[in-house]
Amino acid sequence: MSDVKLRIRFNGPAIAQTAAVISNGVVLAANVYLLSSSIQQTIRTTKQARVSDSLQTAVEVAQSFGSLTKLITDIVEKNHVKNSTDL
């Protein structure tokens, strides 16, 4: 069995370029994460706003319906009390 020797030479420009590539990769990964996170947050906020608007509309319709019902019942009671033969 023969021994295999591996010789690696390091030079300044190669180390600098390797470090720059790694650094750029980290920055790129961070930017991709931040961008996707921002998109998800925007989608989530839009959905929440849509649900909130729908609920607000439902509340306003229910309040309007309640006010209309109260108005109708008040008018019916007022007219019913005037007609004493129905009592």
C-alpha atoms as a PDB file:
ATOM      1  CA  MET A   1       0.000   0.000   0.000  1.00  0.00           C
ATOM      2  CA  SER A   2       1.388   3.333  -0.941  1.00  0.00           C
ATOM      3  CA  ASP A   3       0.867   6.551   0.888  1.00  0.00           C
ATOM      4  CA  VAL A   4      -0.852   9.297  -1.031  1.00  0.00           C
ATOM      5  CA  LYS A   5       0.185  12.772  -0.199  1.00  0.00           C
ATOM      6  CA  LEU A   6      -2.052  15.683  -0.804  1.00  0.00           C
ATOM      7  CA  ARG A   7      -0.549  19.056  -1.184  1.00  0.00           C
ATOM      8  CA  ILE A   8      -2.707  22.169  -0.963  1.00  0.00           C
ATOM      9  CA  ARG A   9      -1.377  25.577  -1.688  1.00  0.00           C
ATOM     10  CA  PHE A  10      -3.061  28.614  -0.286  1.00  0.00           C
ATOM     11  CA  ASN A  11      -2.548  31.988  -1.801  1.00  0.00           C
ATOM     12  CA  GLY A  12      -3.992  35.314  -0.752  1.00  0.00           C
ATOM     13  CA  PRO A  13      -6.208  36.094  -3.765  1.00  0.00           C
ATOM     14  CA  ALA A  14      -7.776  32.617  -3.766  1.00  0.00           C
ATOM     15  CA  ILE A  15      -8.626  32.851  -0.071  1.00  0.00           C
ATOM     16  CA  ALA A  16     -10.065  36.333  -0.590  1.00  0.00           C
ATOM     17  CA  GLN A  17     -12.195  35.171  -3.509  1.00  0.00           C
ATOM     18  CA  THR A  18     -13.427  32.131  -1.574  1.00  0.00           C
ATOM     19  CA  ALA A  19     -14.358  34.316   1.371  1.00  0.00           C
ATOM     20  CA  ALA A  20     -16.150  36.753  -0.959  1.00  0.00           C
ATOM     21  CA  VAL A  21     -18.156  33.920  -2.541  1.00  0.00           C
ATOM     22  CA  ILE A  22     -19.152  32.543   0.878  1.00  0.00           C
ATOM     23  CA  SER A  23     -20.042  36.025   2.102  1.00  0.00           C
ATOM     24  CA  ASN A  24     -22.138  36.741  -0.974  1.00  0.00           C
ATOM     25  CA  GLY A  25     -23.892  33.389  -0.543  1.00  0.00           C
ATOM     26  CA  VAL A  26     -24.784  34.227   3.051  1.00  0.00           C
ATOM     27  CA  VAL A  27     -26.051  37.680   2.049  1.00  0.00           C
ATOM     28  CA  LEU A  28     -28.083  36.172  -0.787  1.00  0.00           C
ATOM     29  CA  ALA A  29     -29.614  33.554   1.532  1.00  0.00           C
ATOM     30  CA  ALA A  30     -30.501  36.247   4.073  1.00  0.00           C
ATOM     31  CA  ASN A  31     -32.106  38.403   1.379  1.00  0.00           C
ATOM     32  CA  VAL A  32     -34.127  35.476   0.046  1.00  0.00           C
ATOM     33  CA  TYR A  33     -35.351  34.691   3.568  1.00  0.00           C
ATOM     34  CA  LEU A  34     -36.269  38.319   4.272  1.00  0.00           C
ATOM     35  CA  LEU A  35     -38.045  38.681   0.938  1.00  0.00           C
ATOM     36  CA  SER A  36     -40.090  35.515   1.382  1.00  0.00           C
ATOM     37  CA  SER A  37     -40.886  36.481   4.956  1.00  0.00           C
ATOM     38  CA  SER A  38     -42.052  39.906   3.793  1.00  0.00           C
ATOM     39  CA  ILE A  39     -44.246  38.374   1.098  1.00  0.00           C
ATOM     40  CA  GLN A  40     -45.795  35.977   3.614  1.00  0.00           C
ATOM     41  CA  GLN A  41     -46.427  38.852   6.038  1.00  0.00           C
ATOM     42  CA  THR A  42     -48.078  40.900   3.285  1.00  0.00           C
ATOM     43  CA  ILE A  43     -50.333  37.997   2.295  1.00  0.00           C
ATOM     44  CA  ARG A  44     -51.227  37.348   5.936  1.00  0.00           C
ATOM     45  CA  THR A  45     -52.006  41.036   6.535  1.00  0.00           C
ATOM     46  CA  THR A  46     -54.146  41.206   3.406  1.00  0.00           C
ATOM     47  CA  LYS A  47     -56.140  38.137   4.455  1.00  0.00           C
ATOM     48  CA  GLN A  48     -56.633  39.518   7.964  1.00  0.00           C
ATOM     49  CA  ALA A  49     -57.794  42.856   6.564  1.00  0.00           C
ATOM     50  CA  ARG A  50     -60.244  41.098   4.253  1.00  0.00           C
ATOM     51  CA  VAL A  51     -61.673  39.031   7.126  1.00  0.00           C
ATOM     52  CA  SER A  52     -61.883  42.113   9.338  1.00  0.00           C
ATOM     53  CA  ASP A  53     -63.701  44.061   6.618  1.00  0.00           C
ATOM     54  CA  SER A  54     -66.137  41.200   6.102  1.00  0.00           C
ATOM     55  CA  LEU A  55     -66.844  40.970   9.810  1.00  0.00           C
ATOM     56  CA  GLN A  56     -67.284  44.746  10.049  1.00  0.00           C
ATOM     57  CA  THR A  57     -69.775  44.634   7.175  1.00  0.00           C
ATOM     58  CA  ALA A  58     -71.664  41.788   8.851  1.00  0.00           C
ATOM     59  CA  VAL A  59     -71.834  43.764  12.099  1.00  0.00           C
ATOM     60  CA  GLU A  60     -73.134  46.858  10.301  1.00  0.00           C
ATOM     61  CA  VAL A  61     -75.790  44.814   8.481  1.00  0.00           C
ATOM     62  CA  ALA A  62     -76.846  43.167  11.742  1.00  0.00           C
ATOM     63  CA  GLN A  63     -77.071  46.542  13.500  1.00  0.00           C
ATOM     64  CA  SER A  64     -79.110  48.000  10.635  1.00  0.00           C
ATOM     65  CA  PHE A  65     -81.406  44.993  10.674  1.00  0.00           C
ATOM     66  CA  GLY A  66     -81.798  45.305  14.455  1.00  0.00           C
ATOM     67  CA  SER A  67     -82.610  49.009  14.201  1.00  0.00           C
ATOM     68  CA  LEU A  68     -85.137  48.372  11.440  1.00  0.00           C
ATOM     69  CA  THR A  69     -86.742  45.578  13.447  1.00  0.00           C
ATOM     70  CA  LYS A  70     -86.975  47.824  16.512  1.00  0.00           C
ATOM     71  CA  LEU A  71     -88.536  50.598  14.430  1.00  0.00           C
ATOM     72  CA  ILE A  72     -91.115  48.233  12.970  1.00  0.00           C
ATOM     73  CA  THR A  73     -91.997  46.716  16.356  1.00  0.00           C
ATOM     74  CA  ASP A  74     -92.303  50.190  17.906  1.00  0.00           C
ATOM     75  CA  ILE A  75     -94.694  51.266  15.148  1.00  0.00           C
ATOM     76  CA  VAL A  76     -96.725  48.067  15.452  1.00  0.00           C
ATOM     77  CA  GLU A  77     -96.936  48.381  19.253  1.00  0.00           C
ATOM     78  CA  LYS A  78     -97.886  52.052  19.008  1.00  0.00           C
ATOM     79  CA  ASN A  79    -100.691  51.315  16.543  1.00  0.00           C
ATOM     80  CA  HIS A  80    -101.791  48.227  18.441  1.00  0.00           C
ATOM     81  CA  VAL A  81    -102.138  50.118  21.740  1.00  0.00           C
ATOM     82  CA  LYS A  82    -104.231  52.862  20.082  1.00  0.00           C
ATOM     83  CA  ASN A  83    -106.741  50.246  19.020  1.00  0.00           C
ATOM     84  CA  SER A  84    -108.119  49.300  22.446  1.00  0.00           C
ATOM     85  CA  THR A  85    -110.557  46.738  21.047  1.00  0.00           C
ATOM     86  CA  ASP A  86    -107.633  44.443  20.388  1.00  0.00           C
ATOM     87  CA  LEU A  87    -106.698  44.482  24.092  1.00  0.00           C
END
